[in-house]
Amino acid sequence: MTSKQRAYLKGLAMNIEPVFQMGKGSVTPEYTEAIREAFNTRELVKISVLKNCMEDPKGIAEVLADRTGSQVVQVIGKKIVLYKPFKDDPKIILPL
């Protein structure tokens, strides 16, 4: 992903609300599966890491991206944005 594409996705992510909240349970198989299922209906997923989560948001983002086959767009403070395009008909068209 180029920096221009990443910047485009960051702009789109500003306007969406977090779909998931991660607490002290951290990255469980059930949580990972829920995010994987969310990618069936949307290409951009925003996750909010709550204050009671002791793990580093950047580490969480990398683990989730690896397990769901997505890409980390950004991690700002306690917010994580992941991107995974639809295979057949992507709705988000990235700039070249």
C-alpha atoms as a PDB file:
ATOM      1  CA  MET A   1       0.000   0.000   0.000  1.00  0.00           C
ATOM      2  CA  THR A   2       1.420   3.367  -1.000  1.00  0.00           C
ATOM      3  CA  SER A   3       1.436   6.414   1.265  1.00  0.00           C
ATOM      4  CA  LYS A   4      -1.109   8.082  -1.038  1.00  0.00           C
ATOM      5  CA  GLN A   5      -3.471   5.109  -0.698  1.00  0.00           C
ATOM      6  CA  ARG A   6      -2.958   5.049   3.066  1.00  0.00           C
ATOM      7  CA  ALA A   7      -3.726   8.783   3.281  1.00  0.00           C
ATOM      8  CA  TYR A   8      -6.916   8.249   1.248  1.00  0.00           C
ATOM      9  CA  LEU A   9      -8.065   5.475   3.606  1.00  0.00           C
ATOM     10  CA  LYS A  10      -7.230   7.604   6.664  1.00  0.00           C
ATOM     11  CA  GLY A  11      -9.494  10.302   5.258  1.00  0.00           C
ATOM     12  CA  LEU A  12     -12.342   7.816   4.852  1.00  0.00           C
ATOM     13  CA  ALA A  13     -11.766   6.437   8.351  1.00  0.00           C
ATOM     14  CA  MET A  14     -12.204   9.866   9.932  1.00  0.00           C
ATOM     15  CA  ASN A  15     -15.915   9.743   9.131  1.00  0.00           C
ATOM     16  CA  ILE A  16     -16.713   6.296  10.526  1.00  0.00           C
ATOM     17  CA  GLU A  17     -17.409   5.272  14.090  1.00  0.00           C
ATOM     18  CA  PRO A  18     -15.572   2.373  15.776  1.00  0.00           C
ATOM     19  CA  VAL A  19     -17.298  -0.936  15.086  1.00  0.00           C
ATOM     20  CA  PHE A  20     -15.588  -2.818  17.921  1.00  0.00           C
ATOM     21  CA  GLN A  21     -14.260  -2.033  21.372  1.00  0.00           C
ATOM     22  CA  MET A  22     -11.423  -4.061  22.794  1.00  0.00           C
ATOM     23  CA  GLY A  23     -11.104  -4.374  26.555  1.00  0.00           C
ATOM     24  CA  LYS A  24      -8.978  -6.427  28.906  1.00  0.00           C
ATOM     25  CA  GLY A  25      -9.910  -9.651  27.091  1.00  0.00           C
ATOM     26  CA  SER A  26      -7.622  -8.512  24.268  1.00  0.00           C
ATOM     27  CA  VAL A  27      -7.278 -10.588  21.074  1.00  0.00           C
ATOM     28  CA  THR A  28      -9.284 -13.765  21.580  1.00  0.00           C
ATOM     29  CA  PRO A  29     -10.210 -16.194  18.785  1.00  0.00           C
ATOM     30  CA  GLU A  30     -13.848 -15.086  19.106  1.00  0.00           C
ATOM     31  CA  TYR A  31     -12.899 -11.415  18.775  1.00  0.00           C
ATOM     32  CA  THR A  32     -10.742 -12.169  15.734  1.00  0.00           C
ATOM     33  CA  GLU A  33     -13.607 -14.108  14.135  1.00  0.00           C
ATOM     34  CA  ALA A  34     -16.020 -11.213  14.750  1.00  0.00           C
ATOM     35  CA  ILE A  35     -13.656  -8.824  12.952  1.00  0.00           C
ATOM     36  CA  ARG A  36     -13.183 -11.324  10.126  1.00  0.00           C
ATOM     37  CA  GLU A  37     -16.978 -11.452   9.725  1.00  0.00           C
ATOM     38  CA  ALA A  38     -17.179  -7.644   9.742  1.00  0.00           C
ATOM     39  CA  PHE A  39     -14.971  -7.645   6.651  1.00  0.00           C
ATOM     40  CA  ASN A  40     -17.783  -9.504   4.839  1.00  0.00           C
ATOM     41  CA  THR A  41     -19.904  -6.340   4.930  1.00  0.00           C
ATOM     42  CA  ARG A  42     -17.333  -3.531   5.039  1.00  0.00           C
ATOM     43  CA  GLU A  43     -13.820  -2.913   3.780  1.00  0.00           C
ATOM     44  CA  LEU A  44     -12.724  -0.438   6.442  1.00  0.00           C
ATOM     45  CA  VAL A  45     -13.023  -1.351  10.131  1.00  0.00           C
ATOM     46  CA  LYS A  46     -12.289   0.974  13.038  1.00  0.00           C
ATOM     47  CA  ILE A  47     -11.580  -0.480  16.477  1.00  0.00           C
ATOM     48  CA  SER A  48     -11.405   1.388  19.774  1.00  0.00           C
ATOM     49  CA  VAL A  49      -9.031   0.029  22.432  1.00  0.00           C
ATOM     50  CA  LEU A  50     -10.402   0.727  25.901  1.00  0.00           C
ATOM     51  CA  LYS A  51      -8.290   2.029  28.778  1.00  0.00           C
ATOM     52  CA  ASN A  52      -8.498  -1.275  30.673  1.00  0.00           C
ATOM     53  CA  CYS A  53      -6.654  -3.100  27.855  1.00  0.00           C
ATOM     54  CA  MET A  54      -3.025  -3.480  28.929  1.00  0.00           C
ATOM     55  CA  GLU A  55      -1.621  -4.369  25.499  1.00  0.00           C
ATOM     56  CA  ASP A  56      -0.087  -1.947  23.022  1.00  0.00           C
ATOM     57  CA  PRO A  57      -2.571  -0.879  20.296  1.00  0.00           C
ATOM     58  CA  LYS A  58       0.127  -1.173  17.599  1.00  0.00           C
ATOM     59  CA  GLY A  59       0.815  -4.774  18.609  1.00  0.00           C
ATOM     60  CA  ILE A  60      -2.899  -5.538  18.664  1.00  0.00           C
ATOM     61  CA  ALA A  61      -3.302  -4.018  15.191  1.00  0.00           C
ATOM     62  CA  GLU A  62      -0.499  -6.162  13.759  1.00  0.00           C
ATOM     63  CA  VAL A  63      -1.926  -9.359  15.275  1.00  0.00           C
ATOM     64  CA  LEU A  64      -5.446  -8.613  14.035  1.00  0.00           C
ATOM     65  CA  ALA A  65      -4.203  -7.720  10.545  1.00  0.00           C
ATOM     66  CA  ASP A  66      -2.220 -10.941  10.385  1.00  0.00           C
ATOM     67  CA  ARG A  67      -5.100 -13.107  11.601  1.00  0.00           C
ATOM     68  CA  THR A  68      -7.774 -11.491   9.409  1.00  0.00           C
ATOM     69  CA  GLY A  69      -5.717 -11.027   6.245  1.00  0.00           C
ATOM     70  CA  SER A  70      -6.173  -7.261   6.368  1.00  0.00           C
ATOM     71  CA  GLN A  71      -3.795  -4.295   6.380  1.00  0.00           C
ATOM     72  CA  VAL A  72      -3.182  -1.769   9.129  1.00  0.00           C
ATOM     73  CA  VAL A  73      -4.098   1.687   7.853  1.00  0.00           C
ATOM     74  CA  GLN A  74      -3.293   3.560  11.043  1.00  0.00           C
ATOM     75  CA  VAL A  75      -3.035   3.397  14.797  1.00  0.00           C
ATOM     76  CA  ILE A  76      -3.654   6.717  16.512  1.00  0.00           C
ATOM     77  CA  GLY A  77      -3.737   6.618  20.281  1.00  0.00           C
ATOM     78  CA  LYS A  78      -6.321   3.967  21.122  1.00  0.00           C
ATOM     79  CA  LYS A  79      -7.934   3.769  17.659  1.00  0.00           C
ATOM     80  CA  ILE A  80      -7.043   1.116  15.078  1.00  0.00           C
ATOM     81  CA  VAL A  81      -8.119   1.193  11.424  1.00  0.00           C
ATOM     82  CA  LEU A  82      -7.879  -1.964   9.300  1.00  0.00           C
ATOM     83  CA  TYR A  83      -8.526  -2.337   5.570  1.00  0.00           C
ATOM     84  CA  LYS A  84      -9.394  -5.427   3.551  1.00  0.00           C
ATOM     85  CA  PRO A  85     -10.848  -4.985   0.046  1.00  0.00           C
ATOM     86  CA  PHE A  86     -13.705  -7.145  -1.172  1.00  0.00           C
ATOM     87  CA  LYS A  87     -12.346  -9.865  -3.478  1.00  0.00           C
ATOM     88  CA  ASP A  88     -15.014  -9.699  -6.176  1.00  0.00           C
ATOM     89  CA  ASP A  89     -16.269  -6.120  -6.243  1.00  0.00           C
ATOM     90  CA  PRO A  90     -14.264  -3.619  -4.126  1.00  0.00           C
ATOM     91  CA  LYS A  91     -16.323  -0.591  -3.102  1.00  0.00           C
ATOM     92  CA  ILE A  92     -13.330   1.539  -2.088  1.00  0.00           C
ATOM     93  CA  ILE A  93     -11.238   2.381  -5.151  1.00  0.00           C
ATOM     94  CA  LEU A  94      -7.729   3.324  -4.069  1.00  0.00           C
ATOM     95  CA  PRO A  95      -5.806   6.038  -5.948  1.00  0.00           C
ATOM     96  CA  LEU A  96      -2.752   4.895  -7.894  1.00  0.00           C
END
